[in-house]
Amino acid sequence: MTKIIDISIPVNEGMVVWSGSLKPHFKQVLSFKKGDSWTETEINMDLHTGTHIDGPLHRIRGGASVDKLRLEAMVGPAFVAYLPKAKTITPEILDNLNLPKGTSRLLFKTSNSKLWAKQNTGFQKKFVALTVNGAEWLVDHKIKLIGNDYLSVGQFSEDGRVQAEVHRILLEKGIALLEGLNLSG
């Protein structure tokens, strides 16, 4: 039997979310305790909360929504790149990984993972993510899924340009983006 490892972030009301995003809110609308025939909870949150997939529609006008993505890209073995000292993920860092031949799914375990282990609830602007030329490297090397251990695969910038460009490069080439991974364990 294949071992399944849960690398998702549990969703809760106090969790870290992208700067300016809505924090999750749970409201119990029906309850056995109140005499209702069943229990029902309402959840209000952004789709980019916790562990999530970015579809092309997120950054490309007219792009496909997440439900149109190919599941094959998201299921199967993945190479976990351990990059504890990286400040950004550049082509030089990617070259030094010496990826096994045929690697198509790549997850980045960086110093970001310590934030999940500490259960940090404040958004961090200086998280480890891809540079624009790092994204181009992934396209050139036929990677079909990448995952990052913080809330975006692209670096934070106040104007959002770097992050938007990284997403555009990857999403236009059909690379699945898995964000908000918990690789701390």
Protein backbone atom coordinates (compact mmCIF):
# COMPACT_ATOMS: atom_id res chain seq x y z
CA MET A 1 0.00 0.00 0.00
CA THR A 2 1.23 3.47 -0.88
CA LYS A 3 1.92 5.78 2.05
CA ILE A 4 -0.15 8.95 1.87
CA ILE A 5 1.33 12.03 3.52
CA ASP A 6 -1.01 14.90 4.37
CA ILE A 7 0.76 18.16 3.53
CA SER A 8 -2.30 20.39 3.78
CA ILE A 9 -2.83 23.29 6.15
CA PRO A 10 -5.82 22.89 8.50
CA VAL A 11 -8.33 25.69 7.97
CA ASN A 12 -9.29 27.62 11.12
CA GLU A 13 -10.41 31.12 12.05
CA GLY A 14 -7.03 32.27 13.35
CA MET A 15 -4.86 31.03 10.48
CA VAL A 16 -2.55 33.12 8.32
CA VAL A 17 -4.05 34.34 5.05
CA TRP A 18 -2.73 36.44 2.18
CA SER A 19 -2.30 40.11 3.01
CA GLY A 20 -5.74 41.75 2.96
CA SER A 21 -7.65 38.49 2.42
CA LEU A 22 -10.67 37.41 4.43
CA LYS A 23 -9.87 35.11 7.35
CA PRO A 24 -12.05 32.00 7.54
CA HIS A 25 -15.21 32.31 9.62
CA PHE A 26 -17.36 29.39 10.76
CA LYS A 27 -20.96 29.80 11.93
CA GLN A 28 -23.09 26.94 13.19
CA VAL A 29 -26.51 27.56 11.63
CA LEU A 30 -28.23 24.36 12.77
CA SER A 31 -27.46 22.17 15.77
CA PHE A 32 -28.83 19.12 17.54
CA LYS A 33 -28.16 21.01 20.79
CA LYS A 34 -30.59 23.75 19.70
CA GLY A 35 -33.25 21.19 18.80
CA ASP A 36 -32.60 21.08 15.05
CA SER A 37 -32.89 17.81 13.12
CA TRP A 38 -29.25 18.00 12.01
CA THR A 39 -26.08 20.03 12.48
CA GLU A 40 -24.99 22.42 9.75
CA THR A 41 -22.05 24.85 9.61
CA GLU A 42 -21.61 27.79 7.26
CA ILE A 43 -18.07 28.64 6.15
CA ASN A 44 -17.02 32.01 4.75
CA MET A 45 -13.48 32.33 3.34
CA ASP A 46 -11.44 33.14 0.26
CA LEU A 47 -10.61 30.21 -2.03
CA HIS A 48 -6.91 31.02 -1.59
CA THR A 49 -6.93 29.96 2.04
CA GLY A 50 -4.59 27.30 3.37
CA THR A 51 -3.49 24.64 0.92
CA HIS A 52 -4.96 25.37 -2.50
CA ILE A 53 -4.50 25.05 -6.25
CA ASP A 54 -4.29 28.07 -8.54
CA GLY A 55 -6.12 27.64 -11.81
CA PRO A 56 -5.19 29.68 -14.88
CA LEU A 57 -8.35 31.78 -14.34
CA HIS A 58 -6.73 33.18 -11.18
CA ARG A 59 -4.17 35.16 -13.22
CA ILE A 60 -5.08 34.79 -16.90
CA ARG A 61 -8.14 36.50 -18.37
CA GLY A 62 -10.27 33.73 -19.92
CA GLY A 63 -8.09 31.01 -18.38
CA ALA A 64 -9.44 27.67 -17.21
CA SER A 65 -10.95 27.30 -13.75
CA VAL A 66 -9.58 24.74 -11.29
CA ASP A 67 -12.26 22.18 -12.15
CA LYS A 68 -10.90 22.03 -15.73
CA LEU A 69 -7.34 21.11 -14.68
CA ARG A 70 -5.98 17.64 -15.44
CA LEU A 71 -5.87 15.54 -12.27
CA GLU A 72 -2.98 13.49 -13.66
CA ALA A 73 -0.64 16.40 -13.02
CA MET A 74 -1.57 16.42 -9.33
CA VAL A 75 -1.41 12.73 -8.51
CA GLY A 76 1.76 10.67 -8.28
CA PRO A 77 5.30 10.79 -6.98
CA ALA A 78 6.85 14.16 -6.29
CA PHE A 79 10.42 15.27 -5.65
CA VAL A 80 10.70 17.35 -2.48
CA ALA A 81 13.50 19.88 -2.84
CA TYR A 82 14.92 20.78 0.58
CA LEU A 83 16.13 24.38 0.36
CA PRO A 84 16.64 25.54 3.97
CA LYS A 85 18.99 28.43 3.12
CA ALA A 86 17.36 29.75 -0.04
CA LYS A 87 16.03 33.31 0.02
CA THR A 88 14.54 32.94 -3.48
CA ILE A 89 14.27 30.00 -5.88
CA THR A 90 16.44 30.81 -8.88
CA PRO A 91 17.68 28.81 -11.90
CA GLU A 92 21.03 28.34 -10.13
CA ILE A 93 19.32 26.73 -7.13
CA LEU A 94 17.16 24.59 -9.42
CA ASP A 95 20.22 23.45 -11.42
CA ASN A 96 21.91 22.34 -8.19
CA LEU A 97 18.99 20.07 -7.26
CA ASN A 98 20.19 17.42 -9.72
CA LEU A 99 16.61 16.29 -10.24
CA PRO A 100 16.18 12.62 -11.06
CA LYS A 101 15.43 12.00 -14.72
CA GLY A 102 11.70 12.12 -15.40
CA THR A 103 10.83 14.36 -12.43
CA SER A 104 7.60 16.15 -13.28
CA ARG A 105 6.27 17.13 -9.84
CA LEU A 106 8.41 19.34 -7.64
CA LEU A 107 7.66 20.55 -4.11
CA PHE A 108 9.78 23.21 -2.40
CA LYS A 109 10.49 22.76 1.30
CA THR A 110 12.11 25.99 2.44
CA SER A 111 12.47 27.99 5.63
CA ASN A 112 8.79 28.86 5.09
CA SER A 113 7.93 25.47 6.61
CA LYS A 114 9.09 26.73 10.01
CA LEU A 115 6.22 29.24 9.92
CA TRP A 116 3.67 26.41 9.79
CA ALA A 117 5.45 24.50 12.57
CA LYS A 118 5.31 27.64 14.75
CA GLN A 119 1.66 28.17 13.77
CA ASN A 120 2.43 31.75 12.81
CA THR A 121 -0.80 33.66 12.16
CA GLY A 122 0.60 36.88 10.67
CA PHE A 123 1.22 37.25 6.93
CA GLN A 124 4.93 37.23 6.07
CA LYS A 125 5.98 39.39 3.12
CA LYS A 126 9.49 37.91 2.97
CA PHE A 127 8.75 34.30 2.19
CA VAL A 128 10.80 32.06 -0.10
CA ALA A 129 9.34 31.79 -3.60
CA LEU A 130 10.24 31.58 -7.27
CA THR A 131 11.89 34.32 -9.25
CA VAL A 132 10.68 35.03 -12.78
CA ASN A 133 13.69 33.24 -14.30
CA GLY A 134 13.14 30.36 -11.85
CA ALA A 135 9.64 29.97 -13.30
CA GLU A 136 11.10 29.97 -16.81
CA TRP A 137 13.55 27.22 -15.76
CA LEU A 138 10.62 25.04 -14.62
CA VAL A 139 8.88 25.51 -17.98
CA ASP A 140 12.09 24.63 -19.86
CA HIS A 141 12.49 21.45 -17.77
CA LYS A 142 8.94 20.21 -18.42
CA ILE A 143 7.80 20.28 -14.79
CA LYS A 144 4.01 19.78 -14.68
CA LEU A 145 3.32 20.55 -10.99
CA ILE A 146 5.08 22.72 -8.47
CA GLY A 147 4.24 23.30 -4.85
CA ASN A 148 5.49 25.86 -2.39
CA ASP A 149 5.37 25.86 1.39
CA TYR A 150 3.81 29.30 1.70
CA LEU A 151 0.77 31.06 0.24
CA SER A 152 2.21 31.74 -3.21
CA VAL A 153 4.74 30.29 -5.64
CA GLY A 154 5.74 33.84 -6.64
CA GLN A 155 7.55 36.38 -4.49
CA PHE A 156 5.56 39.06 -2.68
CA SER A 157 5.85 42.61 -3.98
CA GLU A 158 3.72 45.57 -3.00
CA ASP A 159 2.58 46.09 -6.60
CA GLY A 160 2.14 42.36 -7.26
CA ARG A 161 4.06 42.43 -10.56
CA VAL A 162 6.66 39.76 -9.78
CA GLN A 163 4.07 37.39 -8.38
CA ALA A 164 1.74 37.98 -11.36
CA GLU A 165 4.54 37.32 -13.86
CA VAL A 166 5.63 34.08 -12.15
CA HIS A 167 2.02 32.86 -12.16
CA ARG A 168 1.50 33.87 -15.80
CA ILE A 169 4.62 32.04 -17.00
CA LEU A 170 3.67 28.83 -15.21
CA LEU A 171 -0.08 28.87 -15.78
CA GLU A 172 0.18 29.68 -19.50
CA LYS A 173 2.26 26.51 -19.91
CA GLY A 174 -0.23 24.37 -17.98
CA ILE A 175 1.89 23.88 -14.87
CA ALA A 176 -0.30 23.10 -11.85
CA LEU A 177 0.39 25.38 -8.88
CA LEU A 178 -0.05 23.98 -5.41
CA GLU A 179 0.32 26.64 -2.73
CA GLY A 180 0.22 26.69 1.05
CA LEU A 181 1.86 23.32 1.63
CA ASN A 182 2.82 22.19 5.10
CA LEU A 183 6.15 20.44 4.60
CA SER A 184 7.32 21.05 8.18
CA GLY A 185 7.11 17.33 9.03
